Amino acid sequence: MPMYLTRFSYTPETWERLAKHPEDRREAARAYIESVGGRLHGFWYAFGAYDGYNLWEAPDNVSMAAVAIAIGGGGALSKIETTVLLTVDETLAALGRAESIRYRPPGE
């Protein structure tokens, strides 16, 4: 199954609610991805541009998009971004195919 990395940030109101009522959000994230046949591999909070990161797998892009849309539309996040991750073998296959593509830069 494809792997996905999601970066997210909470709204100030969400942080306020969590500070008043601390909650482990891993189980919620696990339930969301399992509802589409996927699996949560990790959930981390962080300093920096994003408040947290999730690593999960899903059966396909549509399933992962459904989870991201549901979470993003829930109002608790100020931003959410999901990246499809490629295995090394997938990247090597893409590199092998890239040579046969005749790219022409704009204006040339």
PDB file of N, CA and C in Angstrom:
ATOM      1  N   MET A   1       0.842  -1.189   0.000  1.00  0.00           N
ATOM      2  CA  MET A   1       0.000   0.000   0.000  1.00  0.00           C
ATOM      3  C   MET A   1       0.882   1.246   0.000  1.00  0.00           C
ATOM      4  N   PRO A   2       0.437   2.300  -0.657  1.00  0.00           N
ATOM      5  CA  PRO A   2       1.203   3.549  -0.664  1.00  0.00           C
ATOM      6  C   PRO A   2       1.328   4.152   0.740  1.00  0.00           C
ATOM      7  N   MET A   3       2.446   4.836   0.943  1.00  0.00           N
ATOM      8  CA  MET A   3       2.707   5.524   2.209  1.00  0.00           C
ATOM      9  C   MET A   3       2.500   7.021   2.008  1.00  0.00           C
ATOM     10  N   TYR A   4       2.082   7.691   3.096  1.00  0.00           N
ATOM     11  CA  TYR A   4       1.784   9.116   3.048  1.00  0.00           C
ATOM     12  C   TYR A   4       2.336   9.801   4.294  1.00  0.00           C
ATOM     13  N   LEU A   5       2.866  10.996   4.104  1.00  0.00           N
ATOM     14  CA  LEU A   5       3.326  11.837   5.204  1.00  0.00           C
ATOM     15  C   LEU A   5       2.409  13.054   5.262  1.00  0.00           C
ATOM     16  N   THR A   6       1.765  13.250   6.392  1.00  0.00           N
ATOM     17  CA  THR A   6       0.899  14.406   6.569  1.00  0.00           C
ATOM     18  C   THR A   6       1.517  15.349   7.589  1.00  0.00           C
ATOM     19  N   ARG A   7       1.541  16.632   7.235  1.00  0.00           N
ATOM     20  CA  ARG A   7       1.992  17.697   8.127  1.00  0.00           C
ATOM     21  C   ARG A   7       0.764  18.526   8.461  1.00  0.00           C
ATOM     22  N   PHE A   8       0.621  18.877   9.741  1.00  0.00           N
ATOM     23  CA  PHE A   8      -0.564  19.642  10.130  1.00  0.00           C
ATOM     24  C   PHE A   8      -0.231  20.630  11.228  1.00  0.00           C
ATOM     25  N   SER A   9      -1.079  21.639  11.336  1.00  0.00           N
ATOM     26  CA  SER A   9      -0.999  22.598  12.439  1.00  0.00           C
ATOM     27  C   SER A   9      -2.400  22.812  12.991  1.00  0.00           C
ATOM     28  N   TYR A  10      -2.490  22.894  14.301  1.00  0.00           N
ATOM     29  CA  TYR A  10      -3.761  23.162  14.968  1.00  0.00           C
ATOM     30  C   TYR A  10      -4.056  24.653  14.965  1.00  0.00           C
ATOM     31  N   THR A  11      -5.316  24.996  15.080  1.00  0.00           N
ATOM     32  CA  THR A  11      -5.707  26.392  15.284  1.00  0.00           C
ATOM     33  C   THR A  11      -5.393  26.757  16.740  1.00  0.00           C
ATOM     34  N   PRO A  12      -5.291  28.048  17.055  1.00  0.00           N
ATOM     35  CA  PRO A  12      -5.106  28.441  18.454  1.00  0.00           C
ATOM     36  C   PRO A  12      -6.232  27.910  19.351  1.00  0.00           C
ATOM     37  N   GLU A  13      -7.451  27.884  18.836  1.00  0.00           N
ATOM     38  CA  GLU A  13      -8.589  27.376  19.626  1.00  0.00           C
ATOM     39  C   GLU A  13      -8.434  25.894  19.938  1.00  0.00           C
ATOM     40  N   THR A  14      -7.902  25.140  19.003  1.00  0.00           N
ATOM     41  CA  THR A  14      -7.680  23.710  19.250  1.00  0.00           C
ATOM     42  C   THR A  14      -6.632  23.519  20.338  1.00  0.00           C
ATOM     43  N   TRP A  15      -5.537  24.289  20.275  1.00  0.00           N
ATOM     44  CA  TRP A  15      -4.515  24.200  21.326  1.00  0.00           C
ATOM     45  C   TRP A  15      -5.116  24.566  22.684  1.00  0.00           C
ATOM     46  N   GLU A  16      -5.974  25.574  22.704  1.00  0.00           N
ATOM     47  CA  GLU A  16      -6.608  25.973  23.961  1.00  0.00           C
ATOM     48  C   GLU A  16      -7.453  24.823  24.524  1.00  0.00           C
ATOM     49  N   ARG A  17      -8.238  24.179  23.655  1.00  0.00           N
ATOM     50  CA  ARG A  17      -9.060  23.049  24.104  1.00  0.00           C
ATOM     51  C   ARG A  17      -8.199  21.896  24.588  1.00  0.00           C
ATOM     52  N   LEU A  18      -7.107  21.609  23.867  1.00  0.00           N
ATOM     53  CA  LEU A  18      -6.223  20.511  24.282  1.00  0.00           C
ATOM     54  C   LEU A  18      -5.510  20.825  25.600  1.00  0.00           C
ATOM     55  N   ALA A  19      -5.170  22.095  25.815  1.00  0.00           N
ATOM     56  CA  ALA A  19      -4.529  22.479  27.072  1.00  0.00           C
ATOM     57  C   ALA A  19      -5.482  22.298  28.252  1.00  0.00           C
ATOM     58  N   LYS A  20      -6.758  22.582  28.037  1.00  0.00           N
ATOM     59  CA  LYS A  20      -7.751  22.415  29.104  1.00  0.00           C
ATOM     60  C   LYS A  20      -8.139  20.956  29.306  1.00  0.00           C
ATOM     61  N   HIS A  21      -8.125  20.197  28.202  1.00  0.00           N
ATOM     62  CA  HIS A  21      -8.529  18.786  28.244  1.00  0.00           C
ATOM     63  C   HIS A  21      -7.545  17.969  27.410  1.00  0.00           C
ATOM     64  N   PRO A  22      -6.348  17.682  27.960  1.00  0.00           N
ATOM     65  CA  PRO A  22      -5.339  16.942  27.186  1.00  0.00           C
ATOM     66  C   PRO A  22      -5.900  15.624  26.648  1.00  0.00           C
ATOM     67  N   GLU A  23      -5.535  15.334  25.419  1.00  0.00           N
ATOM     68  CA  GLU A  23      -6.056  14.149  24.742  1.00  0.00           C
ATOM     69  C   GLU A  23      -4.990  13.578  23.815  1.00  0.00           C
ATOM     70  N   ASP A  24      -4.826  12.279  23.840  1.00  0.00           N
ATOM     71  CA  ASP A  24      -3.922  11.580  22.931  1.00  0.00           C
ATOM     72  C   ASP A  24      -4.653  11.413  21.600  1.00  0.00           C
ATOM     73  N   ARG A  25      -4.244  12.158  20.580  1.00  0.00           N
ATOM     74  CA  ARG A  25      -4.938  12.152  19.295  1.00  0.00           C
ATOM     75  C   ARG A  25      -4.522  11.003  18.380  1.00  0.00           C
ATOM     76  N   ARG A  26      -3.589  10.168  18.834  1.00  0.00           N
ATOM     77  CA  ARG A  26      -3.178   9.028  18.007  1.00  0.00           C
ATOM     78  C   ARG A  26      -4.323   8.081  17.730  1.00  0.00           C
ATOM     79  N   GLU A  27      -5.144   7.834  18.730  1.00  0.00           N
ATOM     80  CA  GLU A  27      -6.245   6.884  18.528  1.00  0.00           C
ATOM     81  C   GLU A  27      -7.265   7.427  17.544  1.00  0.00           C
ATOM     82  N   ALA A  28      -7.521   8.722  17.578  1.00  0.00           N
ATOM     83  CA  ALA A  28      -8.430   9.324  16.602  1.00  0.00           C
ATOM     84  C   ALA A  28      -7.848   9.175  15.197  1.00  0.00           C
ATOM     85  N   ALA A  29      -6.563   9.485  15.034  1.00  0.00           N
ATOM     86  CA  ALA A  29      -5.915   9.366  13.722  1.00  0.00           C
ATOM     87  C   ALA A  29      -5.952   7.921  13.241  1.00  0.00           C
ATOM     88  N   ARG A  30      -5.711   6.985  14.145  1.00  0.00           N
ATOM     89  CA  ARG A  30      -5.741   5.563  13.793  1.00  0.00           C
ATOM     90  C   ARG A  30      -7.140   5.169  13.295  1.00  0.00           C
ATOM     91  N   ALA A  31      -8.175   5.632  13.971  1.00  0.00           N
ATOM     92  CA  ALA A  31      -9.545   5.305  13.578  1.00  0.00           C
ATOM     93  C   ALA A  31      -9.865   5.873  12.199  1.00  0.00           C
ATOM     94  N   TYR A  32      -9.408   7.094  11.908  1.00  0.00           N
ATOM     95  CA  TYR A  32      -9.688   7.710  10.616  1.00  0.00           C
ATOM     96  C   TYR A  32      -9.101   6.880   9.479  1.00  0.00           C
ATOM     97  N   ILE A  33      -7.830   6.517   9.595  1.00  0.00           N
ATOM     98  CA  ILE A  33      -7.168   5.805   8.497  1.00  0.00           C
ATOM     99  C   ILE A  33      -7.653   4.362   8.401  1.00  0.00           C
ATOM    100  N   GLU A  34      -7.939   3.739   9.543  1.00  0.00           N
ATOM    101  CA  GLU A  34      -8.452   2.367   9.499  1.00  0.00           C
ATOM    102  C   GLU A  34      -9.845   2.306   8.874  1.00  0.00           C
ATOM    103  N   SER A  35     -10.592   3.397   8.941  1.00  0.00           N
ATOM    104  CA  SER A  35     -11.935   3.410   8.358  1.00  0.00           C
ATOM    105  C   SER A  35     -11.902   3.285   6.834  1.00  0.00           C
ATOM    106  N   VAL A  36     -10.751   3.560   6.212  1.00  0.00           N
ATOM    107  CA  VAL A  36     -10.609   3.406   4.764  1.00  0.00           C
ATOM    108  C   VAL A  36      -9.683   2.241   4.410  1.00  0.00           C
ATOM    109  N   GLY A  37      -9.373   1.405   5.397  1.00  0.00           N
ATOM    110  CA  GLY A  37      -8.535   0.235   5.140  1.00  0.00           C
ATOM    111  C   GLY A  37      -7.049   0.486   5.234  1.00  0.00           C
ATOM    112  N   GLY A  38      -6.650   1.585   5.871  1.00  0.00           N
ATOM    113  CA  GLY A  38      -5.239   1.927   5.996  1.00  0.00           C
ATOM    114  C   GLY A  38      -4.692   1.642   7.376  1.00  0.00           C
ATOM    115  N   ARG A  39      -3.478   2.144   7.620  1.00  0.00           N
ATOM    116  CA  ARG A  39      -2.788   1.894   8.887  1.00  0.00           C
ATOM    117  C   ARG A  39      -1.954   3.108   9.271  1.00  0.00           C
ATOM    118  N   LEU A  40      -2.042   3.492  10.545  1.00  0.00           N
ATOM    119  CA  LEU A  40      -1.218   4.572  11.085  1.00  0.00           C
ATOM    120  C   LEU A  40       0.124   3.983  11.508  1.00  0.00           C
ATOM    121  N   HIS A  41       1.209   4.571  11.008  1.00  0.00           N
ATOM    122  CA  HIS A  41       2.552   4.102  11.367  1.00  0.00           C
ATOM    123  C   HIS A  41       3.228   4.999  12.390  1.00  0.00           C
ATOM    124  N   GLY A  42       2.771   6.230  12.524  1.00  0.00           N
ATOM    125  CA  GLY A  42       3.392   7.119  13.497  1.00  0.00           C
ATOM    126  C   GLY A  42       2.649   8.435  13.593  1.00  0.00           C
ATOM    127  N   PHE A  43       2.763   9.054  14.758  1.00  0.00           N
ATOM    128  CA  PHE A  43       2.122  10.340  15.039  1.00  0.00           C
ATOM    129  C   PHE A  43       3.078  11.101  15.941  1.00  0.00           C
ATOM    130  N   TRP A  44       3.523  12.263  15.487  1.00  0.00           N
ATOM    131  CA  TRP A  44       4.490  13.046  16.250  1.00  0.00           C
ATOM    132  C   TRP A  44       4.068  14.504  16.325  1.00  0.00           C
ATOM    133  N   TYR A  45       4.392  15.156  17.428  1.00  0.00           N
ATOM    134  CA  TYR A  45       4.291  16.612  17.528  1.00  0.00           C
ATOM    135  C   TYR A  45       5.692  17.166  17.345  1.00  0.00           C
ATOM    136  N   ALA A  46       5.783  18.435  16.916  1.00  0.00           N
ATOM    137  CA  ALA A  46       7.089  18.986  16.568  1.00  0.00           C
ATOM    138  C   ALA A  46       7.129  20.487  16.796  1.00  0.00           C
ATOM    139  N   PHE A  47       8.347  21.011  16.897  1.00  0.00           N
ATOM    140  CA  PHE A  47       8.584  22.445  16.837  1.00  0.00           C
ATOM    141  C   PHE A  47       8.759  22.787  15.373  1.00  0.00           C
ATOM    142  N   GLY A  48       8.468  24.002  14.982  1.00  0.00           N
ATOM    143  CA  GLY A  48       8.751  24.409  13.615  1.00  0.00           C
ATOM    144  C   GLY A  48       7.527  24.852  12.856  1.00  0.00           C
ATOM    145  N   ALA A  49       7.590  24.668  11.539  1.00  0.00           N
ATOM    146  CA  ALA A  49       6.543  25.157  10.644  1.00  0.00           C
ATOM    147  C   ALA A  49       5.218  24.423  10.834  1.00  0.00           C
ATOM    148  N   TYR A  50       5.246  23.202  11.333  1.00  0.00           N
ATOM    149  CA  TYR A  50       4.038  22.407  11.559  1.00  0.00           C
ATOM    150  C   TYR A  50       4.006  21.926  12.994  1.00  0.00           C
ATOM    151  N   ASP A  51       2.797  21.742  13.503  1.00  0.00           N
ATOM    152  CA  ASP A  51       2.634  21.252  14.878  1.00  0.00           C
ATOM    153  C   ASP A  51       2.806  19.746  14.981  1.00  0.00           C
ATOM    154  N   GLY A  52       2.531  19.036  13.892  1.00  0.00           N
ATOM    155  CA  GLY A  52       2.620  17.587  13.970  1.00  0.00           C
ATOM    156  C   GLY A  52       2.756  16.926  12.618  1.00  0.00           C
ATOM    157  N   TYR A  53       3.088  15.643  12.686  1.00  0.00           N
ATOM    158  CA  TYR A  53       3.311  14.818  11.499  1.00  0.00           C
ATOM    159  C   TYR A  53       2.690  13.449  11.722  1.00  0.00           C
ATOM    160  N   ASN A  54       2.108  12.904  10.665  1.00  0.00           N
ATOM    161  CA  ASN A  54       1.593  11.537  10.683  1.00  0.00           C
ATOM    162  C   ASN A  54       2.239  10.774   9.538  1.00  0.00           C
ATOM    163  N   LEU A  55       2.514   9.509   9.769  1.00  0.00           N
ATOM    164  CA  LEU A  55       2.976   8.612   8.719  1.00  0.00           C
ATOM    165  C   LEU A  55       1.967   7.485   8.647  1.00  0.00           C
ATOM    166  N   TRP A  56       1.353   7.338   7.483  1.00  0.00           N
ATOM    167  CA  TRP A  56       0.353   6.293   7.351  1.00  0.00           C
ATOM    168  C   TRP A  56       0.365   5.693   5.966  1.00  0.00           C
ATOM    169  N   GLU A  57      -0.288   4.533   5.865  1.00  0.00           N
ATOM    170  CA  GLU A  57      -0.476   3.935   4.559  1.00  0.00           C
ATOM    171  C   GLU A  57      -1.965   3.801   4.312  1.00  0.00           C
ATOM    172  N   ALA A  58      -2.329   3.878   3.040  1.00  0.00           N
ATOM    173  CA  ALA A  58      -3.725   3.763   2.645  1.00  0.00           C
ATOM    174  C   ALA A  58      -3.785   2.951   1.360  1.00  0.00           C
ATOM    175  N   PRO A  59      -4.926   2.368   1.081  1.00  0.00           N
ATOM    176  CA  PRO A  59      -5.027   1.537  -0.115  1.00  0.00           C
ATOM    177  C   PRO A  59      -4.749   2.292  -1.421  1.00  0.00           C
ATOM    178  N   ASP A  60      -5.069   3.591  -1.449  1.00  0.00           N
ATOM    179  CA  ASP A  60      -4.897   4.360  -2.682  1.00  0.00           C
ATOM    180  C   ASP A  60      -5.023   5.846  -2.366  1.00  0.00           C
ATOM    181  N   ASN A  61      -4.754   6.679  -3.370  1.00  0.00           N
ATOM    182  CA  ASN A  61      -4.800   8.131  -3.182  1.00  0.00           C
ATOM    183  C   ASN A  61      -6.195   8.628  -2.824  1.00  0.00           C
ATOM    184  N   VAL A  62      -7.228   8.030  -3.393  1.00  0.00           N
ATOM    185  CA  VAL A  62      -8.594   8.470  -3.104  1.00  0.00           C
ATOM    186  C   VAL A  62      -8.921   8.233  -1.631  1.00  0.00           C
ATOM    187  N   SER A  63      -8.517   7.090  -1.098  1.00  0.00           N
ATOM    188  CA  SER A  63      -8.760   6.795   0.317  1.00  0.00           C
ATOM    189  C   SER A  63      -8.043   7.789   1.212  1.00  0.00           C
ATOM    190  N   MET A  64      -6.779   8.077   0.896  1.00  0.00           N
ATOM    191  CA  MET A  64      -6.021   9.033   1.706  1.00  0.00           C
ATOM    192  C   MET A  64      -6.603  10.426   1.575  1.00  0.00           C
ATOM    193  N   ALA A  65      -7.025  10.790   0.364  1.00  0.00           N
ATOM    194  CA  ALA A  65      -7.632  12.106   0.162  1.00  0.00           C
ATOM    195  C   ALA A  65      -8.912  12.240   0.983  1.00  0.00           C
ATOM    196  N   ALA A  66      -9.696  11.174   1.065  1.00  0.00           N
ATOM    197  CA  ALA A  66     -10.929  11.214   1.857  1.00  0.00           C
ATOM    198  C   ALA A  66     -10.624  11.494   3.318  1.00  0.00           C
ATOM    199  N   VAL A  67      -9.591  10.850   3.850  1.00  0.00           N
ATOM    200  CA  VAL A  67      -9.196  11.084   5.243  1.00  0.00           C
ATOM    201  C   VAL A  67      -8.723  12.520   5.420  1.00  0.00           C
ATOM    202  N   ALA A  68      -7.868  12.996   4.517  1.00  0.00           N
ATOM    203  CA  ALA A  68      -7.345  14.366   4.618  1.00  0.00           C
ATOM    204  C   ALA A  68      -8.467  15.397   4.512  1.00  0.00           C
ATOM    205  N   ILE A  69      -9.430  15.155   3.629  1.00  0.00           N
ATOM    206  CA  ILE A  69     -10.555  16.078   3.479  1.00  0.00           C
ATOM    207  C   ILE A  69     -11.402  16.102   4.748  1.00  0.00           C
ATOM    208  N   ALA A  70     -11.678  14.921   5.292  1.00  0.00           N
ATOM    209  CA  ALA A  70     -12.483  14.847   6.513  1.00  0.00           C
ATOM    210  C   ALA A  70     -11.791  15.563   7.669  1.00  0.00           C
ATOM    211  N   ILE A  71     -10.493  15.321   7.835  1.00  0.00           N
ATOM    212  CA  ILE A  71      -9.753  15.960   8.922  1.00  0.00           C
ATOM    213  C   ILE A  71      -9.644  17.465   8.676  1.00  0.00           C
ATOM    214  N   GLY A  72      -9.263  17.845   7.462  1.00  0.00           N
ATOM    215  CA  GLY A  72      -9.105  19.262   7.141  1.00  0.00           C
ATOM    216  C   GLY A  72     -10.402  20.040   7.246  1.00  0.00           C
ATOM    217  N   GLY A  73     -11.508  19.385   6.948  1.00  0.00           N
ATOM    218  CA  GLY A  73     -12.804  20.049   7.022  1.00  0.00           C
ATOM    219  C   GLY A  73     -13.401  20.100   8.404  1.00  0.00           C
ATOM    220  N   GLY A  74     -12.737  19.470   9.357  1.00  0.00           N
ATOM    221  CA  GLY A  74     -13.262  19.405  10.716  1.00  0.00           C
ATOM    222  C   GLY A  74     -13.107  20.679  11.526  1.00  0.00           C
ATOM    223  N   GLY A  75     -12.275  21.609  11.059  1.00  0.00           N
ATOM    224  CA  GLY A  75     -12.138  22.895  11.724  1.00  0.00           C
ATOM    225  C   GLY A  75     -11.085  22.989  12.813  1.00  0.00           C
ATOM    226  N   ALA A  76     -10.434  21.877  13.180  1.00  0.00           N
ATOM    227  CA  ALA A  76      -9.437  21.908  14.250  1.00  0.00           C
ATOM    228  C   ALA A  76      -8.045  22.297  13.757  1.00  0.00           C
ATOM    229  N   LEU A  77      -7.840  22.248  12.443  1.00  0.00           N
ATOM    230  CA  LEU A  77      -6.519  22.515  11.891  1.00  0.00           C
ATOM    231  C   LEU A  77      -6.482  23.847  11.163  1.00  0.00           C
ATOM    232  N   SER A  78      -5.328  24.502  11.244  1.00  0.00           N
ATOM    233  CA  SER A  78      -5.140  25.722  10.457  1.00  0.00           C
ATOM    234  C   SER A  78      -4.500  25.396   9.118  1.00  0.00           C
ATOM    235  N   LYS A  79      -3.806  24.245   9.032  1.00  0.00           N
ATOM    236  CA  LYS A  79      -3.263  23.790   7.757  1.00  0.00           C
ATOM    237  C   LYS A  79      -2.997  22.291   7.817  1.00  0.00           C
ATOM    238  N   ILE A  80      -3.092  21.669   6.640  1.00  0.00           N
ATOM    239  CA  ILE A  80      -2.810  20.241   6.497  1.00  0.00           C
ATOM    240  C   ILE A  80      -2.256  20.016   5.101  1.00  0.00           C
ATOM    241  N   GLU A  81      -1.184  19.253   5.003  1.00  0.00           N
ATOM    242  CA  GLU A  81      -0.570  18.909   3.724  1.00  0.00           C
ATOM    243  C   GLU A  81      -0.199  17.441   3.766  1.00  0.00           C
ATOM    244  N   THR A  82      -0.503  16.740   2.693  1.00  0.00           N
ATOM    245  CA  THR A  82      -0.178  15.322   2.615  1.00  0.00           C
ATOM    246  C   THR A  82       0.687  15.069   1.391  1.00  0.00           C
ATOM    247  N   THR A  83       1.752  14.325   1.582  1.00  0.00           N
ATOM    248  CA  THR A  83       2.689  13.986   0.520  1.00  0.00           C
ATOM    249  C   THR A  83       2.680  12.486   0.302  1.00  0.00           C
ATOM    250  N   VAL A  84       2.544  12.070  -0.952  1.00  0.00           N
ATOM    251  CA  VAL A  84       2.672  10.652  -1.290  1.00  0.00           C
ATOM    252  C   VAL A  84       4.160  10.317  -1.253  1.00  0.00           C
ATOM    253  N   LEU A  85       4.522   9.266  -0.537  1.00  0.00           N
ATOM    254  CA  LEU A  85       5.919   8.853  -0.447  1.00  0.00           C
ATOM    255  C   LEU A  85       6.184   7.706  -1.419  1.00  0.00           C
ATOM    256  N   LEU A  86       7.317   7.764  -2.092  1.00  0.00           N
ATOM    257  CA  LEU A  86       7.727   6.710  -3.018  1.00  0.00           C
ATOM    258  C   LEU A  86       8.786   5.839  -2.370  1.00  0.00           C
ATOM    259  N   THR A  87       8.720   4.553  -2.636  1.00  0.00           N
ATOM    260  CA  THR A  87       9.786   3.661  -2.175  1.00  0.00           C
ATOM    261  C   THR A  87      11.025   3.911  -3.033  1.00  0.00           C
ATOM    262  N   VAL A  88      12.148   3.388  -2.610  1.00  0.00           N
ATOM    263  CA  VAL A  88      13.366   3.500  -3.407  1.00  0.00           C
ATOM    264  C   VAL A  88      13.162   2.775  -4.734  1.00  0.00           C
ATOM    265  N   ASP A  89      12.524   1.606  -4.708  1.00  0.00           N
ATOM    266  CA  ASP A  89      12.278   0.861  -5.947  1.00  0.00           C
ATOM    267  C   ASP A  89      11.384   1.641  -6.905  1.00  0.00           C
ATOM    268  N   GLU A  90      10.354   2.305  -6.388  1.00  0.00           N
ATOM    269  CA  GLU A  90       9.497   3.124  -7.247  1.00  0.00           C
ATOM    270  C   GLU A  90      10.282   4.280  -7.858  1.00  0.00           C
ATOM    271  N   THR A  91      11.143   4.894  -7.065  1.00  0.00           N
ATOM    272  CA  THR A  91      11.952   5.993  -7.570  1.00  0.00           C
ATOM    273  C   THR A  91      12.920   5.512  -8.636  1.00  0.00           C
ATOM    274  N   LEU A  92      13.537   4.350  -8.424  1.00  0.00           N
ATOM    275  CA  LEU A  92      14.435   3.796  -9.430  1.00  0.00           C
ATOM    276  C   LEU A  92      13.691   3.487 -10.721  1.00  0.00           C
ATOM    277  N   ALA A  93      12.478   2.974 -10.614  1.00  0.00           N
ATOM    278  CA  ALA A  93      11.665   2.711 -11.810  1.00  0.00           C
ATOM    279  C   ALA A  93      11.343   4.015 -12.537  1.00  0.00           C
ATOM    280  N   ALA A  94      11.010   5.053 -11.787  1.00  0.00           N
ATOM    281  CA  ALA A  94      10.727   6.355 -12.406  1.00  0.00           C
ATOM    282  C   ALA A  94      11.971   6.914 -13.084  1.00  0.00           C
ATOM    283  N   LEU A  95      13.118   6.763 -12.445  1.00  0.00           N
ATOM    284  CA  LEU A  95      14.362   7.228 -13.054  1.00  0.00           C
ATOM    285  C   LEU A  95      14.630   6.495 -14.366  1.00  0.00           C
ATOM    286  N   GLY A  96      14.346   5.194 -14.379  1.00  0.00           N
ATOM    287  CA  GLY A  96      14.533   4.417 -15.602  1.00  0.00           C
ATOM    288  C   GLY A  96      13.618   4.883 -16.722  1.00  0.00           C
ATOM    289  N   ARG A  97      12.404   5.248 -16.394  1.00  0.00           N
ATOM    290  CA  ARG A  97      11.455   5.717 -17.416  1.00  0.00           C
ATOM    291  C   ARG A  97      11.744   7.151 -17.855  1.00  0.00           C
ATOM    292  N   ALA A  98      12.301   7.958 -16.967  1.00  0.00           N
ATOM    293  CA  ALA A  98      12.524   9.378 -17.255  1.00  0.00           C
ATOM    294  C   ALA A  98      13.426   9.575 -18.467  1.00  0.00           C
ATOM    295  N   GLU A  99      14.365   8.669 -18.666  1.00  0.00           N
ATOM    296  CA  GLU A  99      15.307   8.807 -19.772  1.00  0.00           C
ATOM    297  C   GLU A  99      14.606   8.768 -21.131  1.00  0.00           C
ATOM    298  N   SER A 100      13.486   8.053 -21.224  1.00  0.00           N
ATOM    299  CA  SER A 100      12.783   7.935 -22.494  1.00  0.00           C
ATOM    300  C   SER A 100      11.854   9.111 -22.795  1.00  0.00           C
ATOM    301  N   ILE A 101      11.674  10.007 -21.821  1.00  0.00           N
ATOM    302  CA  ILE A 101      10.804  11.168 -22.016  1.00  0.00           C
ATOM    303  C   ILE A 101      11.608  12.295 -22.625  1.00  0.00           C
ATOM    304  N   ARG A 102      11.138  12.815 -23.731  1.00  0.00           N
ATOM    305  CA  ARG A 102      11.845  13.874 -24.431  1.00  0.00           C
ATOM    306  C   ARG A 102      11.301  15.230 -23.972  1.00  0.00           C
ATOM    307  N   TYR A 103      11.818  15.715 -22.852  1.00  0.00           N
ATOM    308  CA  TYR A 103      11.384  16.999 -22.295  1.00  0.00           C
ATOM    309  C   TYR A 103      12.015  18.137 -23.089  1.00  0.00           C
ATOM    310  N   ARG A 104      11.216  19.174 -23.343  1.00  0.00           N
ATOM    311  CA  ARG A 104      11.698  20.388 -23.993  1.00  0.00           C
ATOM    312  C   ARG A 104      11.408  21.558 -23.068  1.00  0.00           C
ATOM    313  N   PRO A 105      12.450  22.267 -22.582  1.00  0.00           N
ATOM    314  CA  PRO A 105      12.222  23.427 -21.730  1.00  0.00           C
ATOM    315  C   PRO A 105      11.428  24.502 -22.480  1.00  0.00           C
ATOM    316  N   PRO A 106      10.660  25.310 -21.733  1.00  0.00           N
ATOM    317  CA  PRO A 106       9.908  26.386 -22.386  1.00  0.00           C
ATOM    318  C   PRO A 106      10.820  27.301 -23.194  1.00  0.00           C
ATOM    319  N   GLY A 107      10.366  27.681 -24.373  1.00  0.00           N
ATOM    320  CA  GLY A 107      11.120  28.632 -25.200  1.00  0.00           C
ATOM    321  C   GLY A 107      12.231  28.012 -26.019  1.00  0.00           C
ATOM    322  N   GLU A 108      12.447  26.718 -25.932  1.00  0.00           N
ATOM    323  CA  GLU A 108      13.525  26.081 -26.712  1.00  0.00           C
ATOM    324  C   GLU A 108      12.949  25.258 -27.830  1.00  0.00           C
TER     325      GLU A 108
END
